[in-house]
PDB file of N, CA and C in Angstrom:
ATOM      1  N   MET A   1      -0.109  40.281  46.954  1.00  0.00           N
ATOM      2  CA  MET A   1       0.704  39.558  45.999  1.00  0.00           C
ATOM      3  C   MET A   1       0.561  40.154  44.608  1.00  0.00           C
ATOM      4  N   GLY A   2      -0.478  40.905  44.384  1.00  0.00           N
ATOM      5  CA  GLY A   2      -0.633  41.530  43.077  1.00  0.00           C
ATOM      6  C   GLY A   2      -1.227  40.562  42.067  1.00  0.00           C
ATOM      7  N   LYS A   3      -1.098  40.939  40.833  1.00  0.00           N
ATOM      8  CA  LYS A   3      -1.621  40.073  39.773  1.00  0.00           C
ATOM      9  C   LYS A   3      -0.699  38.864  39.579  1.00  0.00           C
ATOM     10  N   LEU A   4      -1.292  37.745  39.310  1.00  0.00           N
ATOM     11  CA  LEU A   4      -0.496  36.528  39.146  1.00  0.00           C
ATOM     12  C   LEU A   4       0.287  36.557  37.839  1.00  0.00           C
ATOM     13  N   LEU A   5      -0.360  36.984  36.757  1.00  0.00           N
ATOM     14  CA  LEU A   5       0.308  37.055  35.465  1.00  0.00           C
ATOM     15  C   LEU A   5       0.274  38.496  34.978  1.00  0.00           C
ATOM     16  N   ASN A   6       1.431  39.095  34.834  1.00  0.00           N
ATOM     17  CA  ASN A   6       1.532  40.473  34.361  1.00  0.00           C
ATOM     18  C   ASN A   6       1.921  40.447  32.892  1.00  0.00           C
ATOM     19  N   LYS A   7       1.060  41.019  32.046  1.00  0.00           N
ATOM     20  CA  LYS A   7       1.362  41.057  30.615  1.00  0.00           C
ATOM     21  C   LYS A   7       2.414  42.122  30.335  1.00  0.00           C
ATOM     22  N   LEU A   8       3.278  41.832  29.396  1.00  0.00           N
ATOM     23  CA  LEU A   8       4.321  42.761  28.988  1.00  0.00           C
ATOM     24  C   LEU A   8       3.673  43.930  28.262  1.00  0.00           C
ATOM     25  N   PRO A   9       3.888  45.159  28.723  1.00  0.00           N
ATOM     26  CA  PRO A   9       3.237  46.295  28.065  1.00  0.00           C
ATOM     27  C   PRO A   9       3.815  46.526  26.664  1.00  0.00           C
ATOM     28  N   GLY A  10       2.927  46.821  25.729  1.00  0.00           N
ATOM     29  CA  GLY A  10       3.352  47.117  24.364  1.00  0.00           C
ATOM     30  C   GLY A  10       3.568  45.907  23.483  1.00  0.00           C
ATOM     31  N   TYR A  11       3.374  44.714  24.005  1.00  0.00           N
ATOM     32  CA  TYR A  11       3.588  43.511  23.199  1.00  0.00           C
ATOM     33  C   TYR A  11       2.362  43.260  22.330  1.00  0.00           C
ATOM     34  N   LYS A  12       2.592  42.991  21.065  1.00  0.00           N
ATOM     35  CA  LYS A  12       1.495  42.716  20.141  1.00  0.00           C
ATOM     36  C   LYS A  12       1.492  41.229  19.801  1.00  0.00           C
ATOM     37  N   THR A  13       0.317  40.618  19.870  1.00  0.00           N
ATOM     38  CA  THR A  13       0.220  39.203  19.532  1.00  0.00           C
ATOM     39  C   THR A  13       0.276  39.023  18.017  1.00  0.00           C
ATOM     40  N   SER A  14       0.775  37.898  17.594  1.00  0.00           N
ATOM     41  CA  SER A  14       0.858  37.590  16.163  1.00  0.00           C
ATOM     42  C   SER A  14      -0.491  37.096  15.665  1.00  0.00           C
ATOM     43  N   PRO A  15      -0.809  37.339  14.403  1.00  0.00           N
ATOM     44  CA  PRO A  15      -2.083  36.850  13.878  1.00  0.00           C
ATOM     45  C   PRO A  15      -2.058  35.325  13.726  1.00  0.00           C
ATOM     46  N   PRO A  16      -3.226  34.693  13.832  1.00  0.00           N
ATOM     47  CA  PRO A  16      -3.249  33.236  13.684  1.00  0.00           C
ATOM     48  C   PRO A  16      -2.864  32.821  12.271  1.00  0.00           C
ATOM     49  N   GLY A  17      -2.270  31.650  12.186  1.00  0.00           N
ATOM     50  CA  GLY A  17      -1.819  31.142  10.891  1.00  0.00           C
ATOM     51  C   GLY A  17      -2.272  29.708  10.687  1.00  0.00           C
ATOM     52  N   LYS A  18      -1.399  28.906  10.093  1.00  0.00           N
ATOM     53  CA  LYS A  18      -1.718  27.514   9.785  1.00  0.00           C
ATOM     54  C   LYS A  18      -1.981  26.677  11.025  1.00  0.00           C
ATOM     55  N   GLU A  19      -1.448  27.073  12.165  1.00  0.00           N
ATOM     56  CA  GLU A  19      -1.619  26.264  13.373  1.00  0.00           C
ATOM     57  C   GLU A  19      -3.079  26.175  13.788  1.00  0.00           C
ATOM     58  N   ARG A  20      -3.837  27.243  13.596  1.00  0.00           N
ATOM     59  CA  ARG A  20      -5.266  27.202  13.928  1.00  0.00           C
ATOM     60  C   ARG A  20      -6.009  26.264  12.984  1.00  0.00           C
ATOM     61  N   TRP A  21      -5.640  26.282  11.705  1.00  0.00           N
ATOM     62  CA  TRP A  21      -6.252  25.368  10.731  1.00  0.00           C
ATOM     63  C   TRP A  21      -5.947  23.923  11.099  1.00  0.00           C
ATOM     64  N   ILE A  22      -4.709  23.661  11.510  1.00  0.00           N
ATOM     65  CA  ILE A  22      -4.316  22.304  11.906  1.00  0.00           C
ATOM     66  C   ILE A  22      -5.130  21.851  13.108  1.00  0.00           C
ATOM     67  N   LEU A  23      -5.290  22.717  14.100  1.00  0.00           N
ATOM     68  CA  LEU A  23      -6.047  22.342  15.293  1.00  0.00           C
ATOM     69  C   LEU A  23      -7.529  22.130  14.985  1.00  0.00           C
ATOM     70  N   ARG A  24      -8.080  22.908  14.056  1.00  0.00           N
ATOM     71  CA  ARG A  24      -9.486  22.701  13.685  1.00  0.00           C
ATOM     72  C   ARG A  24      -9.680  21.432  12.870  1.00  0.00           C
ATOM     73  N   GLN A  25      -8.717  21.065  12.038  1.00  0.00           N
ATOM     74  CA  GLN A  25      -8.839  19.903  11.168  1.00  0.00           C
ATOM     75  C   GLN A  25      -8.393  18.599  11.830  1.00  0.00           C
ATOM     76  N   ALA A  26      -7.737  18.660  12.956  1.00  0.00           N
ATOM     77  CA  ALA A  26      -7.184  17.466  13.602  1.00  0.00           C
ATOM     78  C   ALA A  26      -8.237  16.398  13.914  1.00  0.00           C
ATOM     79  N   PRO A  27      -9.411  16.729  14.473  1.00  0.00           N
ATOM     80  CA  PRO A  27     -10.394  15.664  14.711  1.00  0.00           C
ATOM     81  C   PRO A  27     -10.872  14.995  13.426  1.00  0.00           C
ATOM     82  N   TYR A  28     -11.059  15.770  12.374  1.00  0.00           N
ATOM     83  CA  TYR A  28     -11.494  15.206  11.093  1.00  0.00           C
ATOM     84  C   TYR A  28     -10.456  14.231  10.540  1.00  0.00           C
ATOM     85  N   TRP A  29      -9.195  14.677  10.500  1.00  0.00           N
ATOM     86  CA  TRP A  29      -8.142  13.820   9.952  1.00  0.00           C
ATOM     87  C   TRP A  29      -7.884  12.605  10.837  1.00  0.00           C
ATOM     88  N   THR A  30      -8.065  12.738  12.128  1.00  0.00           N
ATOM     89  CA  THR A  30      -7.906  11.588  13.016  1.00  0.00           C
ATOM     90  C   THR A  30      -8.978  10.549  12.734  1.00  0.00           C
ATOM     91  N   LEU A  31     -10.219  10.990  12.596  1.00  0.00           N
ATOM     92  CA  LEU A  31     -11.318  10.068  12.335  1.00  0.00           C
ATOM     93  C   LEU A  31     -11.213   9.438  10.952  1.00  0.00           C
ATOM     94  N   MET A  32     -11.012  10.251   9.928  1.00  0.00           N
ATOM     95  CA  MET A  32     -10.953   9.729   8.550  1.00  0.00           C
ATOM     96  C   MET A  32      -9.730   8.834   8.352  1.00  0.00           C
ATOM     97  N   GLY A  33      -8.614   9.221   8.913  1.00  0.00           N
ATOM     98  CA  GLY A  33      -7.416   8.396   8.791  1.00  0.00           C
ATOM     99  C   GLY A  33      -7.564   7.071   9.517  1.00  0.00           C
ATOM    100  N   SER A  34      -8.169   7.114  10.700  1.00  0.00           N
ATOM    101  CA  SER A  34      -8.373   5.876  11.461  1.00  0.00           C
ATOM    102  C   SER A  34      -9.322   4.935  10.731  1.00  0.00           C
ATOM    103  N   LEU A  35     -10.393   5.485  10.150  1.00  0.00           N
ATOM    104  CA  LEU A  35     -11.326   4.637   9.402  1.00  0.00           C
ATOM    105  C   LEU A  35     -10.681   4.033   8.165  1.00  0.00           C
ATOM    106  N   SER A  36      -9.859   4.797   7.491  1.00  0.00           N
ATOM    107  CA  SER A  36      -9.204   4.246   6.298  1.00  0.00           C
ATOM    108  C   SER A  36      -8.155   3.196   6.669  1.00  0.00           C
ATOM    109  N   ILE A  37      -7.510   3.357   7.793  1.00  0.00           N
ATOM    110  CA  ILE A  37      -6.543   2.344   8.236  1.00  0.00           C
ATOM    111  C   ILE A  37      -7.267   1.077   8.680  1.00  0.00           C
ATOM    112  N   LEU A  38      -8.441   1.211   9.287  1.00  0.00           N
ATOM    113  CA  LEU A  38      -9.207   0.047   9.738  1.00  0.00           C
ATOM    114  C   LEU A  38      -9.901  -0.694   8.604  1.00  0.00           C
ATOM    115  N   MET A  39      -9.940  -0.122   7.416  1.00  0.00           N
ATOM    116  CA  MET A  39     -10.654  -0.717   6.291  1.00  0.00           C
ATOM    117  C   MET A  39     -10.153  -2.119   5.907  1.00  0.00           C
ATOM    118  N   PRO A  40      -8.857  -2.404   5.822  1.00  0.00           N
ATOM    119  CA  PRO A  40      -8.433  -3.767   5.461  1.00  0.00           C
ATOM    120  C   PRO A  40      -8.921  -4.825   6.450  1.00  0.00           C
ATOM    121  N   SER A  41      -8.925  -4.489   7.734  1.00  0.00           N
ATOM    122  CA  SER A  41      -9.400  -5.438   8.732  1.00  0.00           C
ATOM    123  C   SER A  41     -10.892  -5.716   8.567  1.00  0.00           C
ATOM    124  N   LEU A  42     -11.648  -4.695   8.211  1.00  0.00           N
ATOM    125  CA  LEU A  42     -13.077  -4.860   7.968  1.00  0.00           C
ATOM    126  C   LEU A  42     -13.329  -5.647   6.680  1.00  0.00           C
ATOM    127  N   LEU A  43     -12.574  -5.338   5.645  1.00  0.00           N
ATOM    128  CA  LEU A  43     -12.780  -6.015   4.353  1.00  0.00           C
ATOM    129  C   LEU A  43     -12.437  -7.503   4.416  1.00  0.00           C
ATOM    130  N   VAL A  44     -11.428  -7.871   5.187  1.00  0.00           N
ATOM    131  CA  VAL A  44     -11.043  -9.273   5.277  1.00  0.00           C
ATOM    132  C   VAL A  44     -12.124 -10.091   6.004  1.00  0.00           C
ATOM    133  N   ARG A  45     -12.928  -9.423   6.809  1.00  0.00           N
ATOM    134  CA  ARG A  45     -14.022 -10.120   7.483  1.00  0.00           C
ATOM    135  C   ARG A  45     -15.297 -10.159   6.636  1.00  0.00           C
ATOM    136  N   LEU A  46     -15.523  -9.107   5.854  1.00  0.00           N
ATOM    137  CA  LEU A  46     -16.704  -9.085   5.000  1.00  0.00           C
ATOM    138  C   LEU A  46     -16.568  -9.992   3.782  1.00  0.00           C
ATOM    139  N   PHE A  47     -15.376 -10.057   3.217  1.00  0.00           N
ATOM    140  CA  PHE A  47     -15.121 -10.868   2.027  1.00  0.00           C
ATOM    141  C   PHE A  47     -13.987 -11.859   2.300  1.00  0.00           C
ATOM    142  N   PRO A  48     -14.295 -12.952   2.999  1.00  0.00           N
ATOM    143  CA  PRO A  48     -13.226 -13.919   3.304  1.00  0.00           C
ATOM    144  C   PRO A  48     -12.756 -14.615   2.029  1.00  0.00           C
ATOM    145  N   SER A  49     -11.456 -14.859   1.956  1.00  0.00           N
ATOM    146  CA  SER A  49     -10.882 -15.531   0.791  1.00  0.00           C
ATOM    147  C   SER A  49     -10.576 -16.983   1.143  1.00  0.00           C
ATOM    148  N   GLN A  50     -10.181 -17.736   0.131  1.00  0.00           N
ATOM    149  CA  GLN A  50      -9.810 -19.133   0.337  1.00  0.00           C
ATOM    150  C   GLN A  50      -8.530 -19.192   1.162  1.00  0.00           C
ATOM    151  N   PRO A  51      -8.398 -20.212   2.019  1.00  0.00           N
ATOM    152  CA  PRO A  51      -7.160 -20.340   2.802  1.00  0.00           C
ATOM    153  C   PRO A  51      -5.961 -20.571   1.884  1.00  0.00           C
ATOM    154  N   GLN A  52      -4.876 -19.914   2.209  1.00  0.00           N
ATOM    155  CA  GLN A  52      -3.671 -20.061   1.405  1.00  0.00           C
ATOM    156  C   GLN A  52      -2.848 -21.234   1.916  1.00  0.00           C
ATOM    157  N   ALA A  53      -2.225 -21.952   0.975  1.00  0.00           N
ATOM    158  CA  ALA A  53      -1.430 -23.123   1.337  1.00  0.00           C
ATOM    159  C   ALA A  53      -0.085 -22.711   1.929  1.00  0.00           C
ATOM    160  N   VAL A  54       0.488 -21.615   1.452  1.00  0.00           N
ATOM    161  CA  VAL A  54       1.814 -21.201   1.895  1.00  0.00           C
ATOM    162  C   VAL A  54       1.711 -19.825   2.562  1.00  0.00           C
ATOM    163  N   GLY A  55       2.240 -19.692   3.763  1.00  0.00           N
ATOM    164  CA  GLY A  55       2.311 -18.391   4.439  1.00  0.00           C
ATOM    165  C   GLY A  55       1.032 -18.046   5.179  1.00  0.00           C
ATOM    166  N   ILE A  56       1.138 -17.009   6.006  1.00  0.00           N
ATOM    167  CA  ILE A  56      -0.013 -16.570   6.786  1.00  0.00           C
ATOM    168  C   ILE A  56      -0.380 -15.134   6.441  1.00  0.00           C
ATOM    169  N   SER A  57       0.078 -14.641   5.289  1.00  0.00           N
ATOM    170  CA  SER A  57      -0.102 -13.227   4.975  1.00  0.00           C
ATOM    171  C   SER A  57      -1.555 -12.860   4.710  1.00  0.00           C
ATOM    172  N   GLY A  58      -2.433 -13.818   4.508  1.00  0.00           N
ATOM    173  CA  GLY A  58      -3.824 -13.494   4.254  1.00  0.00           C
ATOM    174  C   GLY A  58      -4.729 -13.726   5.434  1.00  0.00           C
ATOM    175  N   SER A  59      -4.201 -14.186   6.541  1.00  0.00           N
ATOM    176  CA  SER A  59      -5.046 -14.494   7.695  1.00  0.00           C
ATOM    177  C   SER A  59      -5.515 -13.216   8.376  1.00  0.00           C
ATOM    178  N   PRO A  60      -6.748 -13.226   8.900  1.00  0.00           N
ATOM    179  CA  PRO A  60      -7.265 -12.020   9.561  1.00  0.00           C
ATOM    180  C   PRO A  60      -6.435 -11.582  10.769  1.00  0.00           C
ATOM    181  N   GLY A  61      -5.860 -12.525  11.493  1.00  0.00           N
ATOM    182  CA  GLY A  61      -5.049 -12.161  12.660  1.00  0.00           C
ATOM    183  C   GLY A  61      -3.810 -11.375  12.281  1.00  0.00           C
ATOM    184  N   PHE A  62      -3.139 -11.792  11.206  1.00  0.00           N
ATOM    185  CA  PHE A  62      -1.944 -11.085  10.758  1.00  0.00           C
ATOM    186  C   PHE A  62      -2.299  -9.694  10.254  1.00  0.00           C
ATOM    187  N   ILE A  63      -3.402  -9.583   9.535  1.00  0.00           N
ATOM    188  CA  ILE A  63      -3.840  -8.279   9.033  1.00  0.00           C
ATOM    189  C   ILE A  63      -4.214  -7.371  10.201  1.00  0.00           C
ATOM    190  N   ASP A  64      -4.851  -7.931  11.233  1.00  0.00           N
ATOM    191  CA  ASP A  64      -5.193  -7.133  12.416  1.00  0.00           C
ATOM    192  C   ASP A  64      -3.957  -6.577  13.106  1.00  0.00           C
ATOM    193  N   ILE A  65      -2.918  -7.370  13.182  1.00  0.00           N
ATOM    194  CA  ILE A  65      -1.675  -6.915  13.811  1.00  0.00           C
ATOM    195  C   ILE A  65      -1.089  -5.748  13.029  1.00  0.00           C
ATOM    196  N   LEU A  66      -1.072  -5.863  11.700  1.00  0.00           N
ATOM    197  CA  LEU A  66      -0.548  -4.772  10.876  1.00  0.00           C
ATOM    198  C   LEU A  66      -1.420  -3.518  10.982  1.00  0.00           C
ATOM    199  N   VAL A  67      -2.730  -3.703  11.031  1.00  0.00           N
ATOM    200  CA  VAL A  67      -3.648  -2.567  11.145  1.00  0.00           C
ATOM    201  C   VAL A  67      -3.459  -1.859  12.486  1.00  0.00           C
ATOM    202  N   ILE A  68      -3.346  -2.614  13.553  1.00  0.00           N
ATOM    203  CA  ILE A  68      -3.166  -2.007  14.876  1.00  0.00           C
ATOM    204  C   ILE A  68      -1.842  -1.252  14.948  1.00  0.00           C
ATOM    205  N   ALA A  69      -0.782  -1.827  14.401  1.00  0.00           N
ATOM    206  CA  ALA A  69       0.518  -1.154  14.412  1.00  0.00           C
ATOM    207  C   ALA A  69       0.477   0.139  13.596  1.00  0.00           C
ATOM    208  N   THR A  70      -0.174   0.085  12.441  1.00  0.00           N
ATOM    209  CA  THR A  70      -0.287   1.280  11.607  1.00  0.00           C
ATOM    210  C   THR A  70      -1.152   2.335  12.283  1.00  0.00           C
ATOM    211  N   LEU A  71      -2.218   1.909  12.927  1.00  0.00           N
ATOM    212  CA  LEU A  71      -3.115   2.843  13.614  1.00  0.00           C
ATOM    213  C   LEU A  71      -2.410   3.555  14.767  1.00  0.00           C
ATOM    214  N   ILE A  72      -1.633   2.818  15.541  1.00  0.00           N
ATOM    215  CA  ILE A  72      -0.891   3.434  16.645  1.00  0.00           C
ATOM    216  C   ILE A  72       0.129   4.432  16.115  1.00  0.00           C
ATOM    217  N   CYS A  73       0.821   4.073  15.050  1.00  0.00           N
ATOM    218  CA  CYS A  73       1.793   4.986  14.442  1.00  0.00           C
ATOM    219  C   CYS A  73       1.104   6.249  13.923  1.00  0.00           C
ATOM    220  N   TYR A  74      -0.064   6.091  13.307  1.00  0.00           N
ATOM    221  CA  TYR A  74      -0.818   7.235  12.782  1.00  0.00           C
ATOM    222  C   TYR A  74      -1.271   8.151  13.917  1.00  0.00           C
ATOM    223  N   TRP A  75      -1.801   7.571  14.985  1.00  0.00           N
ATOM    224  CA  TRP A  75      -2.241   8.377  16.119  1.00  0.00           C
ATOM    225  C   TRP A  75      -1.090   9.143  16.754  1.00  0.00           C
ATOM    226  N   ILE A  76       0.072   8.523  16.849  1.00  0.00           N
ATOM    227  CA  ILE A  76       1.242   9.197  17.411  1.00  0.00           C
ATOM    228  C   ILE A  76       1.650  10.364  16.515  1.00  0.00           C
ATOM    229  N   ALA A  77       1.595  10.169  15.198  1.00  0.00           N
ATOM    230  CA  ALA A  77       1.943  11.251  14.272  1.00  0.00           C
ATOM    231  C   ALA A  77       0.965  12.417  14.399  1.00  0.00           C
ATOM    232  N   ILE A  78      -0.329  12.121  14.446  1.00  0.00           N
ATOM    233  CA  ILE A  78      -1.334  13.178  14.594  1.00  0.00           C
ATOM    234  C   ILE A  78      -1.143  13.902  15.929  1.00  0.00           C
ATOM    235  N   PHE A  79      -0.906  13.162  16.995  1.00  0.00           N
ATOM    236  CA  PHE A  79      -0.711  13.744  18.317  1.00  0.00           C
ATOM    237  C   PHE A  79       0.505  14.674  18.330  1.00  0.00           C
ATOM    238  N   THR A  80       1.582  14.268  17.662  1.00  0.00           N
ATOM    239  CA  THR A  80       2.787  15.086  17.602  1.00  0.00           C
ATOM    240  C   THR A  80       2.535  16.375  16.836  1.00  0.00           C
ATOM    241  N   ILE A  81       1.815  16.290  15.733  1.00  0.00           N
ATOM    242  CA  ILE A  81       1.503  17.475  14.937  1.00  0.00           C
ATOM    243  C   ILE A  81       0.617  18.437  15.730  1.00  0.00           C
ATOM    244  N   VAL A  82      -0.367  17.900  16.451  1.00  0.00           N
ATOM    245  CA  VAL A  82      -1.263  18.741  17.247  1.00  0.00           C
ATOM    246  C   VAL A  82      -0.500  19.420  18.389  1.00  0.00           C
ATOM    247  N   ILE A  83       0.401  18.709  19.031  1.00  0.00           N
ATOM    248  CA  ILE A  83       1.209  19.322  20.099  1.00  0.00           C
ATOM    249  C   ILE A  83       2.052  20.456  19.531  1.00  0.00           C
ATOM    250  N   GLY A  84       2.656  20.249  18.368  1.00  0.00           N
ATOM    251  CA  GLY A  84       3.442  21.304  17.732  1.00  0.00           C
ATOM    252  C   GLY A  84       2.602  22.526  17.410  1.00  0.00           C
ATOM    253  N   ALA A  85       1.389  22.314  16.877  1.00  0.00           N
ATOM    254  CA  ALA A  85       0.501  23.441  16.551  1.00  0.00           C
ATOM    255  C   ALA A  85       0.072  24.169  17.823  1.00  0.00           C
ATOM    256  N   TYR A  86      -0.195  23.425  18.876  1.00  0.00           N
ATOM    257  CA  TYR A  86      -0.596  24.046  20.139  1.00  0.00           C
ATOM    258  C   TYR A  86       0.545  24.877  20.738  1.00  0.00           C
ATOM    259  N   ILE A  87       1.764  24.400  20.618  1.00  0.00           N
ATOM    260  CA  ILE A  87       2.918  25.160  21.113  1.00  0.00           C
ATOM    261  C   ILE A  87       3.059  26.465  20.342  1.00  0.00           C
ATOM    262  N   VAL A  88       2.823  26.427  19.026  1.00  0.00           N
ATOM    263  CA  VAL A  88       2.891  27.650  18.231  1.00  0.00           C
ATOM    264  C   VAL A  88       1.806  28.632  18.666  1.00  0.00           C
ATOM    265  N   VAL A  89       0.590  28.133  18.956  1.00  0.00           N
ATOM    266  CA  VAL A  89      -0.488  29.001  19.436  1.00  0.00           C
ATOM    267  C   VAL A  89      -0.079  29.658  20.754  1.00  0.00           C
ATOM    268  N   LEU A  90       0.510  28.891  21.662  1.00  0.00           N
ATOM    269  CA  LEU A  90       0.958  29.465  22.936  1.00  0.00           C
ATOM    270  C   LEU A  90       2.056  30.498  22.735  1.00  0.00           C
ATOM    271  N   MET A  91       2.960  30.240  21.799  1.00  0.00           N
ATOM    272  CA  MET A  91       4.059  31.172  21.568  1.00  0.00           C
ATOM    273  C   MET A  91       3.588  32.470  20.918  1.00  0.00           C
ATOM    274  N   LYS A  92       2.500  32.403  20.158  1.00  0.00           N
ATOM    275  CA  LYS A  92       1.985  33.609  19.513  1.00  0.00           C
ATOM    276  C   LYS A  92       1.109  34.433  20.442  1.00  0.00           C
ATOM    277  N   GLY A  93       0.824  33.926  21.611  1.00  0.00           N
ATOM    278  CA  GLY A  93      -0.024  34.642  22.560  1.00  0.00           C
ATOM    279  C   GLY A  93       0.701  35.799  23.212  1.00  0.00           C
ATOM    280  N   PRO A  94       0.082  36.420  24.198  1.00  0.00           N
ATOM    281  CA  PRO A  94       0.715  37.574  24.851  1.00  0.00           C
ATOM    282  C   PRO A  94       1.936  37.158  25.676  1.00  0.00           C
ATOM    283  N   ALA A  95       2.864  38.089  25.805  1.00  0.00           N
ATOM    284  CA  ALA A  95       4.068  37.851  26.603  1.00  0.00           C
ATOM    285  C   ALA A  95       3.802  38.277  28.045  1.00  0.00           C
ATOM    286  N   TYR A  96       4.377  37.566  28.967  1.00  0.00           N
ATOM    287  CA  TYR A  96       4.196  37.860  30.385  1.00  0.00           C
ATOM    288  C   TYR A  96       5.530  38.222  31.013  1.00  0.00           C
ATOM    289  N   VAL A  97       5.464  39.050  32.056  1.00  0.00           N
ATOM    290  CA  VAL A  97       6.653  39.505  32.769  1.00  0.00           C
ATOM    291  C   VAL A  97       6.741  38.743  34.078  1.00  0.00           C
ATOM    292  N   ALA A  98       7.910  38.225  34.358  1.00  0.00           N
ATOM    293  CA  ALA A  98       8.119  37.535  35.630  1.00  0.00           C
ATOM    294  C   ALA A  98       8.420  38.565  36.714  1.00  0.00           C
ATOM    295  N   ASP A  99       8.072  38.221  37.938  1.00  0.00           N
ATOM    296  CA  ASP A  99       8.376  39.110  39.054  1.00  0.00           C
ATOM    297  C   ASP A  99       9.869  39.074  39.337  1.00  0.00           C
ATOM    298  N   ALA A 100      10.422  40.237  39.664  1.00  0.00           N
ATOM    299  CA  ALA A 100      11.848  40.325  39.977  1.00  0.00           C
ATOM    300  C   ALA A 100      12.095  39.816  41.390  1.00  0.00           C
ATOM    301  N   TYR A 101      13.238  39.224  41.593  1.00  0.00           N
ATOM    302  CA  TYR A 101      13.627  38.784  42.920  1.00  0.00           C
ATOM    303  C   TYR A 101      15.089  39.167  43.137  1.00  0.00           C
ATOM    304  N   PRO A 102      15.462  39.471  44.375  1.00  0.00           N
ATOM    305  CA  PRO A 102      16.850  39.891  44.634  1.00  0.00           C
ATOM    306  C   PRO A 102      17.816  38.720  44.470  1.00  0.00           C
ATOM    307  N   LEU A 103      18.911  38.999  43.801  1.00  0.00           N
ATOM    308  CA  LEU A 103      19.936  37.990  43.578  1.00  0.00           C
ATOM    309  C   LEU A 103      21.023  38.179  44.631  1.00  0.00           C
ATOM    310  N   GLU A 104      21.165  37.227  45.528  1.00  0.00           N
ATOM    311  CA  GLU A 104      22.107  37.373  46.635  1.00  0.00           C
ATOM    312  C   GLU A 104      23.535  37.081  46.210  1.00  0.00           C
ATOM    313  N   ASP A 105      23.756  36.172  45.318  1.00  0.00           N
ATOM    314  CA  ASP A 105      25.107  35.807  44.901  1.00  0.00           C
ATOM    315  C   ASP A 105      25.347  36.379  43.501  1.00  0.00           C
ATOM    316  N   SER A 106      25.675  37.677  43.457  1.00  0.00           N
ATOM    317  CA  SER A 106      25.866  38.313  42.159  1.00  0.00           C
ATOM    318  C   SER A 106      27.335  38.636  41.933  1.00  0.00           C
ATOM    319  N   ASP A 107      27.673  38.876  40.671  1.00  0.00           N
ATOM    320  CA  ASP A 107      29.061  39.206  40.322  1.00  0.00           C
ATOM    321  C   ASP A 107      29.390  40.656  40.650  1.00  0.00           C
ATOM    322  N   ARG A 108      28.387  41.512  40.684  1.00  0.00           N
ATOM    323  CA  ARG A 108      28.617  42.930  40.971  1.00  0.00           C
ATOM    324  C   ARG A 108      28.261  43.232  42.416  1.00  0.00           C
ATOM    325  N   PRO A 109      29.139  43.888  43.150  1.00  0.00           N
ATOM    326  CA  PRO A 109      28.748  44.292  44.510  1.00  0.00           C
ATOM    327  C   PRO A 109      27.762  45.462  44.450  1.00  0.00           C
ATOM    328  N   ARG A 110      27.066  45.688  45.516  1.00  0.00           N
ATOM    329  CA  ARG A 110      26.063  46.771  45.552  1.00  0.00           C
ATOM    330  C   ARG A 110      26.696  48.112  45.611  1.00  0.00           C
TER     331      ARG A 110
END
């Protein structure tokens, strides 16, 4: 069967760019961003305020809902950016040649 992946001869890979920096920084930004988003939920428990007469905007449950929604949105954004950077890394890698196969239904006769 030969080699499974045949590299294209003469193809030069591109040098790494911002995508490598993004992939290296992604765990840091995920952790720091998540902690900063979780901060309001933590602060409302450490420093409880007086109950409000009108509305529920200060209740810990409402703040938790907003924090969870923001956290999920943030994680999705980070995940999307990381997928994009990973695709760029794959595209900058070596090119491969597919094996040829005979085309039976062609426009040109033999």
